[in-house]
Amino acid sequence: MQSIGTESKFDLEKRGYNGNKTPLAEMLQNLPGRPSPEPILSYQSLFHPSAEFPRFAPTYRWWEDEATTVLWAFKVPEIRQVIRYGLFRDENYARSSLLSRNADAIDTFLVALSEPYEHQVLANLSHMQRVEEILRRSSIPPFQPIPWGWFPLPPEHSLDARSIAAAIEAESQFQFSRIEFEEIVRASLGYNAVSVEWFLLQHTHLYIHLLDHLQTYPEEIPLYIDVEKLLRNRSPFAHRALVQCMATVQPEVTLDMPQSTNPGFEFIAGPIQRLFKDQPPSLTTILRIFSVLAIRFRKQYIHTSKINWHAPFNTEILFLEDCFNSTSPMDLARTLTGTDEIDFSSLSRQSIVADDVVVKRLLGNWHSLSVSVWECCSSLPDIMIPYLRECAQILFNKCNYHSLTAILHGMHRYRISTARSRGLNSTVGGGVVLDPILPPETTFLTISTQNYAAYRQHYREYPGIPFLLPHLRDHHQNGEGVLQPLIQYLQNEYMSKG
């Protein structure tokens, strides 16, 4: 490579130097009459991750030690979960740990994470490449930042405050949807989370957009005062950006504007932090819990038209705890049946006829159990489906149709979500194929034709804890006489009820 002293004048000019080896651009800026360079604008960041999450400073981060143990073990699903959540300070720790494993262990991990048709190609990779492939297949997808996309329109627009507030809220929700649940868990525990930092930065950008707009068009300030009122119960980040903008352009109007000092992510970070405080110190268990909560998170905050930014994230896992605490499917069936017997002991003829709070509570419990089963199957299919399948067979033999049909419904919902499309060019025609994951002897109970006619016929011969919905519909359509099998069961089991 030539040194500056040996380059030609042409080479120097191409690189931006004059004969005195001073950058040419700098010399041009100093010419008389040359306009001064554009000033660098800077704005104070409104949001900092450390301030937007409740303080969390445990004396001992037990999960970091357990993560080390898992990464040196041989259970591939657990290793994958530890990599996915990355709950350790050194973000390169998983890579360095895997690189230290022997070739046979890495081969075993990679085979478990790949399809048979890939094995030959993967066998040609180096040890380092195989580790990188394990990391790629186990990690969340790389974050793809999308800049804030809503901008204020000039005063000629015809939008009212409600339309503007709805548009700002929609953009804030979109930016939130870009955050993976795993990243929120990381940020809740004080680790770096790129997508969270990007989300907060975009709301500072909203503040700058609004500030530029209202400084240019001050006549728009009354309109955005009304927008602020509509944002009060919506995105706390968007609301704070607008309030801060108003405090800059017209401070006196903010006297009547509520300004929360609570961390913006408290609604979801608080419940996550409490799990680490309340759950027994087992990383394997808590990551399984998070697998279920990740499904719930997407349902509650991503697949929705309206986020409730102020209601705490529901981390209740009663059914999952029953599964974890049971020693076998038989034990789980026994637990569910014991709970159902207590709940149905409050049901009477009068309750059914009046369709009272007891009935509504039982129907709500059935629905909640069904959703919980779907969450568990979606998050931990290899573990939960065989377990629940065997449990369902036992509940069928016990004639516990309440928990049984809830489990079947949840499993059926899961198999719909994983259904395979059959090609249109197939000899049997196009369609969707559902995997046969339900116990064969129980499938007739899920057939809803004629108000679950097959179930109601079976119940007459084999009464038990009822699947309440068909009985209620039958009563509404045909009167009290059709309730006799159900009432007879209640009288036999709970003599105090008439």
Protein backbone atom coordinates (compact mmCIF):
# COMPACT_ATOMS: atom_id res chain seq x y z
CA MET A 1 0.00 0.00 0.00
CA GLN A 2 1.34 3.46 -0.97
CA SER A 3 2.03 5.95 1.79
CA ILE A 4 0.71 9.50 1.48
CA GLY A 5 4.19 10.78 0.73
CA THR A 6 4.52 8.66 -2.40
CA GLU A 7 1.01 9.12 -3.88
CA SER A 8 0.41 11.26 -6.96
CA LYS A 9 -1.48 14.53 -6.77
CA PHE A 10 -4.42 12.83 -8.52
CA ASP A 11 -4.47 10.03 -5.93
CA LEU A 12 -4.36 12.55 -3.11
CA GLU A 13 -7.22 14.59 -4.53
CA LYS A 14 -9.30 11.47 -5.01
CA ARG A 15 -8.81 10.67 -1.33
CA GLY A 16 -9.71 14.24 -0.29
CA TYR A 17 -6.27 15.73 0.40
CA ASN A 18 -4.66 18.93 -0.95
CA GLY A 19 -0.94 19.43 -1.37
CA ASN A 20 -0.50 20.06 2.35
CA LYS A 21 -2.21 16.75 3.12
CA THR A 22 -5.18 18.56 4.79
CA PRO A 23 -8.64 17.03 4.09
CA LEU A 24 -9.99 18.84 1.05
CA ALA A 25 -13.52 18.96 2.46
CA GLU A 26 -12.24 20.83 5.51
CA MET A 27 -10.42 23.36 3.30
CA LEU A 28 -13.56 23.95 1.22
CA GLN A 29 -15.63 24.59 4.34
CA ASN A 30 -13.19 27.35 5.34
CA LEU A 31 -13.41 29.27 2.06
CA PRO A 32 -14.72 32.87 2.39
CA GLY A 33 -18.49 33.09 1.82
CA ARG A 34 -18.99 29.37 2.24
CA PRO A 35 -22.19 28.65 4.28
CA SER A 36 -21.65 27.05 7.66
CA PRO A 37 -22.43 23.35 7.87
CA GLU A 38 -25.89 22.20 8.96
CA PRO A 39 -26.05 22.25 12.77
CA ILE A 40 -26.39 18.93 14.51
CA LEU A 41 -29.80 18.72 16.17
CA SER A 42 -30.13 16.72 19.34
CA TYR A 43 -33.14 15.84 21.46
CA GLN A 44 -33.32 14.40 24.92
CA SER A 45 -34.41 10.77 24.93
CA LEU A 46 -37.75 10.46 26.72
CA PHE A 47 -37.50 6.77 27.48
CA HIS A 48 -34.76 4.68 29.08
CA PRO A 49 -35.12 0.91 29.54
CA SER A 50 -33.96 1.07 33.15
CA ALA A 51 -36.74 3.54 33.97
CA GLU A 52 -39.50 1.78 32.03
CA PHE A 53 -39.23 -1.50 33.94
CA PRO A 54 -39.83 -1.93 37.68
CA ARG A 55 -36.61 -2.20 39.65
CA PHE A 56 -35.49 -5.80 39.97
CA ALA A 57 -32.34 -6.47 41.96
CA PRO A 58 -32.32 -9.98 43.45
CA THR A 59 -29.41 -10.82 45.71
CA TYR A 60 -28.76 -14.04 43.79
CA ARG A 61 -29.52 -14.69 40.13
CA TRP A 62 -29.93 -18.44 40.56
CA TRP A 63 -31.11 -18.95 36.98
CA GLU A 64 -27.71 -17.94 35.58
CA ASP A 65 -26.00 -20.79 37.43
CA GLU A 66 -28.70 -23.20 36.31
CA ALA A 67 -28.33 -22.02 32.70
CA THR A 68 -24.66 -22.99 32.87
CA THR A 69 -25.61 -26.46 34.13
CA VAL A 70 -28.20 -26.94 31.36
CA LEU A 71 -25.76 -25.89 28.62
CA TRP A 72 -23.34 -28.59 29.79
CA ALA A 73 -26.03 -31.29 29.99
CA PHE A 74 -27.59 -33.40 27.22
CA LYS A 75 -31.30 -32.48 27.19
CA VAL A 76 -31.74 -30.76 23.85
CA PRO A 77 -35.18 -29.13 24.52
CA GLU A 78 -33.85 -27.54 27.70
CA ILE A 79 -30.65 -26.36 25.99
CA ARG A 80 -32.76 -24.84 23.25
CA GLN A 81 -34.93 -22.95 25.74
CA VAL A 82 -31.89 -21.61 27.62
CA ILE A 83 -30.44 -20.33 24.33
CA ARG A 84 -33.78 -18.84 23.30
CA TYR A 85 -34.18 -16.75 26.45
CA GLY A 86 -30.49 -16.00 27.00
CA LEU A 87 -30.80 -15.25 30.70
CA PHE A 88 -27.12 -14.55 31.35
CA ARG A 89 -25.06 -11.38 31.40
CA ASP A 90 -22.54 -12.46 28.74
CA GLU A 91 -24.55 -12.57 25.51
CA ASN A 92 -21.81 -14.73 23.98
CA TYR A 93 -21.93 -17.28 26.79
CA ALA A 94 -24.08 -19.87 25.00
CA ARG A 95 -21.76 -19.79 21.99
CA SER A 96 -18.59 -20.22 24.04
CA SER A 97 -20.18 -23.03 26.09
CA LEU A 98 -21.23 -24.98 22.99
CA LEU A 99 -17.84 -24.46 21.35
CA SER A 100 -16.31 -26.12 24.39
CA ARG A 101 -18.49 -29.23 23.99
CA ASN A 102 -17.06 -32.23 22.15
CA ALA A 103 -17.95 -32.95 18.53
CA ASP A 104 -20.23 -35.91 19.36
CA ALA A 105 -22.40 -33.82 21.68
CA ILE A 106 -22.73 -31.04 19.09
CA ASP A 107 -23.62 -33.59 16.40
CA THR A 108 -26.33 -35.02 18.64
CA PHE A 109 -27.80 -31.57 19.32
CA LEU A 110 -27.83 -30.58 15.67
CA VAL A 111 -29.41 -33.84 14.53
CA ALA A 112 -32.19 -33.33 17.11
CA LEU A 113 -32.86 -29.84 15.72
CA SER A 114 -32.90 -30.84 12.04
CA GLU A 115 -34.84 -32.94 9.57
CA PRO A 116 -33.44 -36.20 8.16
CA TYR A 117 -33.01 -34.73 4.67
CA GLU A 118 -30.66 -32.08 6.14
CA HIS A 119 -28.27 -34.45 7.90
CA GLN A 120 -25.93 -35.07 4.98
CA VAL A 121 -25.44 -31.35 4.34
CA LEU A 122 -24.98 -30.53 8.00
CA ALA A 123 -22.38 -33.28 8.36
CA ASN A 124 -20.05 -31.26 6.11
CA LEU A 125 -20.01 -28.25 8.47
CA SER A 126 -17.10 -27.48 10.73
CA HIS A 127 -17.45 -27.63 14.52
CA MET A 128 -17.86 -23.85 14.69
CA GLN A 129 -20.41 -23.82 11.86
CA ARG A 130 -22.44 -26.52 13.60
CA VAL A 131 -22.49 -24.49 16.80
CA GLU A 132 -23.66 -21.44 14.85
CA GLU A 133 -26.39 -23.53 13.25
CA ILE A 134 -27.57 -24.73 16.68
CA LEU A 135 -27.67 -21.14 17.88
CA ARG A 136 -29.57 -20.01 14.79
CA ARG A 137 -32.19 -22.74 15.12
CA SER A 138 -32.61 -22.20 18.86
CA SER A 139 -32.69 -18.39 19.01
CA ILE A 140 -35.56 -16.03 18.35
CA PRO A 141 -35.53 -14.53 14.82
CA PRO A 142 -33.13 -11.58 14.37
CA PHE A 143 -34.87 -8.30 15.05
CA GLN A 144 -35.83 -6.37 11.93
CA PRO A 145 -36.35 -2.71 12.91
CA ILE A 146 -39.14 -0.79 11.22
CA PRO A 147 -39.12 3.00 11.79
CA TRP A 148 -42.09 4.87 13.21
CA GLY A 149 -44.56 5.21 10.36
CA TRP A 150 -47.19 7.73 11.49
CA PHE A 151 -46.63 11.45 10.85
CA PRO A 152 -48.81 14.48 11.57
CA LEU A 153 -50.54 15.92 8.53
CA PRO A 154 -50.46 19.65 7.65
CA PRO A 155 -53.48 21.75 8.74
CA GLU A 156 -55.42 21.18 5.49
CA HIS A 157 -56.35 17.69 6.69
CA SER A 158 -59.91 16.82 7.70
CA LEU A 159 -59.02 14.42 10.52
CA ASP A 160 -60.56 14.87 13.95
CA ALA A 161 -58.90 14.18 17.30
CA ARG A 162 -60.39 10.70 17.54
CA SER A 163 -58.96 9.63 14.18
CA ILE A 164 -55.52 11.02 15.05
CA ALA A 165 -55.48 9.32 18.47
CA ALA A 166 -56.54 6.02 16.90
CA ALA A 167 -53.76 6.27 14.31
CA ILE A 168 -51.11 7.01 16.94
CA GLU A 169 -52.37 4.14 19.08
CA ALA A 170 -52.31 1.77 16.09
CA GLU A 171 -48.69 2.67 15.32
CA SER A 172 -47.68 2.23 18.97
CA GLN A 173 -49.36 -1.19 19.05
CA PHE A 174 -47.62 -2.14 15.81
CA GLN A 175 -44.24 -1.23 17.25
CA PHE A 176 -45.07 -3.24 20.38
CA SER A 177 -45.97 -6.24 18.24
CA ARG A 178 -42.39 -6.27 16.94
CA ILE A 179 -41.09 -7.23 20.40
CA GLU A 180 -40.68 -10.93 21.06
CA PHE A 181 -41.92 -12.17 24.43
CA GLU A 182 -38.45 -13.52 25.18
CA GLU A 183 -37.03 -10.00 24.81
CA ILE A 184 -39.57 -8.64 27.30
CA VAL A 185 -38.54 -11.33 29.78
CA ARG A 186 -34.89 -10.39 29.28
CA ALA A 187 -35.58 -6.68 29.76
CA SER A 188 -37.74 -7.41 32.83
CA LEU A 189 -34.75 -9.07 34.46
CA GLY A 190 -32.38 -6.23 33.57
CA TYR A 191 -30.71 -7.69 30.47
CA ASN A 192 -30.26 -5.88 27.16
CA ALA A 193 -33.11 -6.26 24.69
CA VAL A 194 -32.59 -4.62 21.29
CA SER A 195 -36.24 -4.68 20.24
CA VAL A 196 -37.33 -3.06 23.52
CA GLU A 197 -34.76 -0.29 23.10
CA TRP A 198 -35.97 0.23 19.52
CA PHE A 199 -39.60 0.43 20.67
CA LEU A 200 -38.72 3.14 23.19
CA LEU A 201 -36.65 5.02 20.63
CA GLN A 202 -39.59 5.10 18.22
CA HIS A 203 -41.71 6.86 20.83
CA THR A 204 -39.00 9.48 21.24
CA HIS A 205 -39.24 9.83 17.45
CA LEU A 206 -43.00 10.36 17.85
CA TYR A 207 -42.22 13.18 20.28
CA ILE A 208 -39.86 14.78 17.72
CA HIS A 209 -42.42 14.46 14.91
CA LEU A 210 -45.10 16.09 17.07
CA LEU A 211 -42.72 18.80 18.27
CA ASP A 212 -41.68 19.74 14.74
CA HIS A 213 -45.31 19.77 13.65
CA LEU A 214 -46.68 21.91 16.45
CA GLN A 215 -43.79 24.35 16.30
CA THR A 216 -44.48 24.74 12.58
CA TYR A 217 -48.28 24.84 12.92
CA PRO A 218 -49.10 26.21 16.40
CA GLU A 219 -52.75 26.56 15.32
CA GLU A 220 -52.92 22.74 15.60
CA ILE A 221 -52.23 22.80 19.36
CA PRO A 222 -55.95 22.85 20.39
CA LEU A 223 -56.56 19.78 18.23
CA TYR A 224 -53.72 17.87 19.87
CA ILE A 225 -54.94 18.91 23.32
CA ASP A 226 -58.04 16.89 22.47
CA VAL A 227 -55.87 14.05 21.12
CA GLU A 228 -54.08 13.88 24.48
CA LYS A 229 -57.36 13.30 26.31
CA LEU A 230 -58.17 10.37 24.04
CA LEU A 231 -54.71 8.84 24.53
CA ARG A 232 -54.91 8.82 28.33
CA ASN A 233 -56.20 5.23 28.51
CA ARG A 234 -54.19 4.01 25.54
CA SER A 235 -50.48 3.57 24.95
CA PRO A 236 -48.68 5.13 27.94
CA PHE A 237 -45.62 5.64 25.74
CA ALA A 238 -47.50 7.56 23.04
CA HIS A 239 -49.37 9.56 25.65
CA ARG A 240 -46.17 10.57 27.41
CA ALA A 241 -44.57 11.60 24.10
CA LEU A 242 -47.50 13.92 23.36
CA VAL A 243 -47.59 15.38 26.89
CA GLN A 244 -43.85 16.07 26.75
CA CYS A 245 -44.31 17.78 23.39
CA MET A 246 -47.04 19.99 24.84
CA ALA A 247 -44.81 20.81 27.80
CA THR A 248 -42.27 22.14 25.33
CA VAL A 249 -44.52 24.15 22.99
CA GLN A 250 -47.12 25.40 25.48
CA PRO A 251 -46.27 24.40 29.06
CA GLU A 252 -49.35 25.85 30.72
CA VAL A 253 -51.73 23.40 29.00
CA THR A 254 -50.05 20.42 30.65
CA LEU A 255 -51.26 21.48 34.10
CA ASP A 256 -54.48 19.57 33.44
CA MET A 257 -52.78 16.59 31.81
CA PRO A 258 -52.14 13.49 33.94
CA GLN A 259 -48.50 12.43 33.86
CA SER A 260 -47.82 8.97 35.21
CA THR A 261 -44.48 8.31 36.86
CA ASN A 262 -44.92 4.53 36.75
CA PRO A 263 -42.64 2.47 34.49
CA GLY A 264 -44.34 2.03 31.13
CA PHE A 265 -43.73 -1.73 31.00
CA GLU A 266 -44.93 -2.34 34.55
CA PHE A 267 -48.14 -4.00 33.32
CA ILE A 268 -46.17 -6.94 31.92
CA ALA A 269 -42.76 -6.77 33.63
CA GLY A 270 -44.19 -6.74 37.15
CA PRO A 271 -45.97 -10.11 36.80
CA ILE A 272 -42.89 -11.63 35.12
CA GLN A 273 -40.63 -10.47 37.93
CA ARG A 274 -43.01 -11.89 40.52
CA LEU A 275 -42.76 -15.31 38.88
CA PHE A 276 -39.02 -15.29 39.54
CA LYS A 277 -39.66 -14.30 43.14
CA ASP A 278 -42.55 -16.69 43.82
CA GLN A 279 -41.69 -19.83 41.84
CA PRO A 280 -39.29 -22.43 43.28
CA PRO A 281 -35.79 -21.83 41.87
CA SER A 282 -35.91 -24.18 38.88
CA LEU A 283 -34.91 -22.78 35.51
CA THR A 284 -36.34 -25.76 33.62
CA THR A 285 -39.72 -25.25 35.26
CA ILE A 286 -39.85 -21.51 34.80
CA LEU A 287 -38.87 -21.76 31.12
CA ARG A 288 -41.70 -24.23 30.57
CA ILE A 289 -44.02 -21.73 32.23
CA PHE A 290 -42.72 -19.03 29.91
CA SER A 291 -43.33 -21.28 26.92
CA VAL A 292 -47.01 -21.28 27.86
CA LEU A 293 -47.07 -17.58 28.71
CA ALA A 294 -45.49 -16.75 25.34
CA ILE A 295 -48.57 -18.23 23.65
CA ARG A 296 -50.82 -16.21 25.94
CA PHE A 297 -48.75 -13.07 25.31
CA ARG A 298 -49.24 -13.32 21.54
CA LYS A 299 -52.96 -13.94 21.98
CA GLN A 300 -53.39 -11.05 24.40
CA TYR A 301 -51.10 -8.40 22.86
CA ILE A 302 -50.29 -9.35 19.27
CA HIS A 303 -53.40 -11.03 17.83
CA THR A 304 -55.72 -8.30 19.03
CA SER A 305 -57.12 -5.04 17.72
CA LYS A 306 -56.85 -3.34 21.11
CA ILE A 307 -54.17 -3.69 23.76
CA ASN A 308 -55.07 -3.07 27.37
CA TRP A 309 -51.86 -1.32 28.44
CA HIS A 310 -52.94 -1.00 32.05
CA ALA A 311 -54.28 -4.46 32.99
CA PRO A 312 -51.51 -6.67 34.44
CA PHE A 313 -50.41 -9.57 32.25
CA ASN A 314 -52.16 -12.73 33.40
CA THR A 315 -49.50 -15.19 34.56
CA GLU A 316 -51.94 -17.56 36.28
CA ILE A 317 -50.98 -21.14 35.41
CA LEU A 318 -53.25 -23.25 37.61
CA PHE A 319 -53.72 -26.05 35.08
CA LEU A 320 -50.03 -26.13 34.19
CA GLU A 321 -49.20 -26.33 37.90
CA ASP A 322 -51.61 -29.26 38.21
CA CYS A 323 -49.72 -30.96 35.37
CA PHE A 324 -46.31 -30.24 36.89
CA ASN A 325 -47.39 -31.36 40.35
CA SER A 326 -49.04 -34.58 39.18
CA THR A 327 -46.99 -37.75 39.21
CA SER A 328 -48.83 -39.35 36.27
CA PRO A 329 -51.82 -38.82 33.95
CA MET A 330 -53.85 -40.86 36.45
CA ASP A 331 -52.85 -38.45 39.22
CA LEU A 332 -53.81 -35.45 37.05
CA ALA A 333 -57.20 -37.03 36.23
CA ARG A 334 -57.74 -37.62 39.96
CA THR A 335 -56.91 -33.97 40.75
CA LEU A 336 -59.22 -32.62 38.04
CA THR A 337 -62.06 -34.89 39.10
CA GLY A 338 -61.69 -33.92 42.75
CA THR A 339 -61.93 -30.24 41.83
CA ASP A 340 -64.93 -30.87 39.56
CA GLU A 341 -66.78 -32.79 42.24
CA ILE A 342 -66.44 -29.84 44.61
CA ASP A 343 -67.56 -27.37 41.93
CA PHE A 344 -70.57 -29.43 40.82
CA SER A 345 -71.72 -30.02 44.38
CA SER A 346 -73.20 -26.50 44.21
CA LEU A 347 -75.25 -27.29 41.09
CA SER A 348 -78.97 -27.99 41.51
CA ARG A 349 -82.14 -28.18 39.46
CA GLN A 350 -82.92 -24.62 40.52
CA SER A 351 -79.50 -23.41 39.35
CA ILE A 352 -79.97 -24.98 35.93
CA VAL A 353 -83.49 -23.64 35.46
CA ALA A 354 -82.50 -20.15 36.59
CA ASP A 355 -79.21 -20.26 34.65
CA ASP A 356 -77.66 -18.63 37.71
CA VAL A 357 -74.12 -17.70 38.80
CA VAL A 358 -73.26 -21.33 39.62
CA VAL A 359 -73.98 -22.36 36.04
CA LYS A 360 -72.06 -19.40 34.61
CA ARG A 361 -69.09 -20.16 36.84
CA LEU A 362 -69.00 -23.79 35.70
CA LEU A 363 -69.19 -22.75 32.05
CA GLY A 364 -66.42 -20.22 32.62
CA ASN A 365 -64.25 -22.88 34.27
CA TRP A 366 -64.79 -25.20 31.31
CA HIS A 367 -63.75 -22.50 28.85
CA SER A 368 -60.68 -21.54 30.92
CA LEU A 369 -59.54 -25.17 31.10
CA SER A 370 -59.98 -25.55 27.35
CA VAL A 371 -57.86 -22.46 26.65
CA SER A 372 -55.20 -23.62 29.12
CA VAL A 373 -54.98 -26.99 27.38
CA TRP A 374 -54.56 -25.25 24.01
CA GLU A 375 -51.80 -23.04 25.45
CA CYS A 376 -49.97 -26.03 26.91
CA CYS A 377 -50.26 -28.11 23.74
CA SER A 378 -49.10 -25.19 21.60
CA SER A 379 -46.07 -24.47 23.75
CA LEU A 380 -44.99 -27.97 24.84
CA PRO A 381 -46.54 -30.40 22.32
CA ASP A 382 -44.02 -33.22 22.74
CA ILE A 383 -44.60 -33.29 26.50
CA MET A 384 -48.23 -32.33 26.90
CA ILE A 385 -50.04 -34.14 24.08
CA PRO A 386 -49.14 -37.72 25.14
CA TYR A 387 -49.74 -36.80 28.77
CA LEU A 388 -53.16 -35.24 28.14
CA ARG A 389 -54.16 -37.99 25.73
CA GLU A 390 -53.68 -40.59 28.46
CA CYS A 391 -55.37 -38.36 31.01
CA ALA A 392 -58.39 -37.99 28.69
CA GLN A 393 -58.75 -41.76 28.42
CA ILE A 394 -58.82 -42.02 32.22
CA LEU A 395 -61.39 -39.21 32.54
CA PHE A 396 -63.56 -41.00 29.97
CA ASN A 397 -63.52 -44.13 32.10
CA LYS A 398 -64.32 -42.02 35.17
CA CYS A 399 -67.28 -40.43 33.34
CA ASN A 400 -65.91 -36.95 34.08
CA TYR A 401 -67.24 -35.28 30.95
CA HIS A 402 -66.62 -31.74 32.22
CA SER A 403 -62.81 -31.86 32.30
CA LEU A 404 -62.70 -34.47 29.54
CA THR A 405 -64.52 -32.39 26.92
CA ALA A 406 -62.57 -29.26 27.92
CA ILE A 407 -59.31 -31.14 27.34
CA LEU A 408 -60.55 -32.61 24.06
CA HIS A 409 -61.70 -29.18 22.88
CA GLY A 410 -58.33 -27.62 23.74
CA MET A 411 -56.43 -30.42 21.97
CA HIS A 412 -58.73 -30.11 18.96
CA ARG A 413 -58.09 -26.37 18.81
CA TYR A 414 -54.34 -27.09 18.85
CA ARG A 415 -54.56 -29.61 16.01
CA ILE A 416 -56.50 -27.12 13.90
CA SER A 417 -53.67 -24.60 14.37
CA THR A 418 -51.14 -27.20 13.22
CA ALA A 419 -53.23 -28.67 10.40
CA ARG A 420 -51.38 -29.52 7.20
CA SER A 421 -52.61 -28.33 3.83
CA ARG A 422 -53.15 -31.06 1.25
CA GLY A 423 -52.04 -29.89 -2.18
CA LEU A 424 -54.67 -28.94 -4.73
CA ASN A 425 -52.96 -31.24 -7.25
CA SER A 426 -53.30 -34.23 -4.96
CA THR A 427 -55.24 -37.21 -6.30
CA VAL A 428 -57.63 -36.91 -3.37
CA GLY A 429 -58.19 -33.21 -3.93
CA GLY A 430 -57.32 -30.16 -1.85
CA GLY A 431 -58.08 -29.84 1.80
CA VAL A 432 -56.73 -29.64 5.32
CA VAL A 433 -55.51 -32.66 7.28
CA LEU A 434 -55.91 -32.77 11.08
CA ASP A 435 -53.53 -35.02 12.99
CA PRO A 436 -55.30 -37.79 14.96
CA ILE A 437 -54.14 -36.79 18.44
CA LEU A 438 -57.39 -37.42 20.37
CA PRO A 439 -58.05 -40.80 21.99
CA PRO A 440 -60.17 -42.66 19.38
CA GLU A 441 -62.82 -43.80 21.86
CA THR A 442 -63.53 -40.18 22.88
CA THR A 443 -63.79 -38.41 19.51
CA PHE A 444 -67.58 -38.81 19.29
CA LEU A 445 -67.85 -36.48 22.30
CA THR A 446 -66.47 -33.59 20.20
CA ILE A 447 -69.08 -33.92 17.44
CA SER A 448 -71.36 -30.90 17.90
CA THR A 449 -73.99 -32.00 15.37
CA GLN A 450 -77.56 -31.68 16.71
CA ASN A 451 -76.36 -30.19 19.98
CA TYR A 452 -73.84 -32.95 20.70
CA ALA A 453 -76.45 -35.65 20.15
CA ALA A 454 -73.87 -38.45 20.41
CA TYR A 455 -72.67 -37.17 23.79
CA ARG A 456 -76.21 -36.77 25.15
CA GLN A 457 -77.12 -40.31 24.09
CA HIS A 458 -73.97 -41.65 25.76
CA TYR A 459 -74.71 -39.65 28.93
CA ARG A 460 -78.12 -41.31 29.30
CA GLU A 461 -76.38 -44.68 29.55
CA TYR A 462 -73.26 -43.58 31.43
CA PRO A 463 -74.03 -40.47 33.55
CA GLY A 464 -71.31 -38.59 35.37
CA ILE A 465 -69.91 -35.10 35.89
CA PRO A 466 -71.60 -33.42 32.93
CA PHE A 467 -70.45 -31.42 29.94
CA LEU A 468 -72.94 -28.74 30.88
CA LEU A 469 -73.43 -26.76 27.66
CA PRO A 470 -75.46 -29.36 25.66
CA HIS A 471 -77.71 -30.04 28.67
CA LEU A 472 -78.50 -26.35 29.04
CA ARG A 473 -79.30 -25.96 25.35
CA ASP A 474 -81.45 -29.08 25.43
CA HIS A 475 -83.33 -27.68 28.41
CA HIS A 476 -83.92 -24.34 26.70
CA GLN A 477 -85.23 -26.09 23.59
CA ASN A 478 -87.22 -28.96 25.08
CA GLY A 479 -88.05 -28.12 28.68
CA GLU A 480 -87.14 -29.56 32.08
CA GLY A 481 -88.01 -33.14 31.23
CA VAL A 482 -84.77 -33.63 29.26
CA LEU A 483 -82.72 -32.84 32.36
CA GLN A 484 -83.78 -36.04 34.16
CA PRO A 485 -80.52 -38.01 33.63
CA LEU A 486 -78.49 -35.04 34.85
CA ILE A 487 -80.76 -34.33 37.83
CA GLN A 488 -80.72 -38.01 38.77
CA TYR A 489 -76.92 -37.98 38.80
CA LEU A 490 -76.85 -34.85 40.99
CA GLN A 491 -79.35 -36.40 43.43
CA ASN A 492 -77.33 -39.59 43.69
CA GLU A 493 -74.01 -37.81 44.20
CA TYR A 494 -75.12 -34.84 46.31
CA MET A 495 -78.07 -35.91 48.43
CA SER A 496 -78.63 -32.43 49.83
CA LYS A 497 -79.71 -31.16 46.43
CA GLY A 498 -83.26 -31.59 45.31
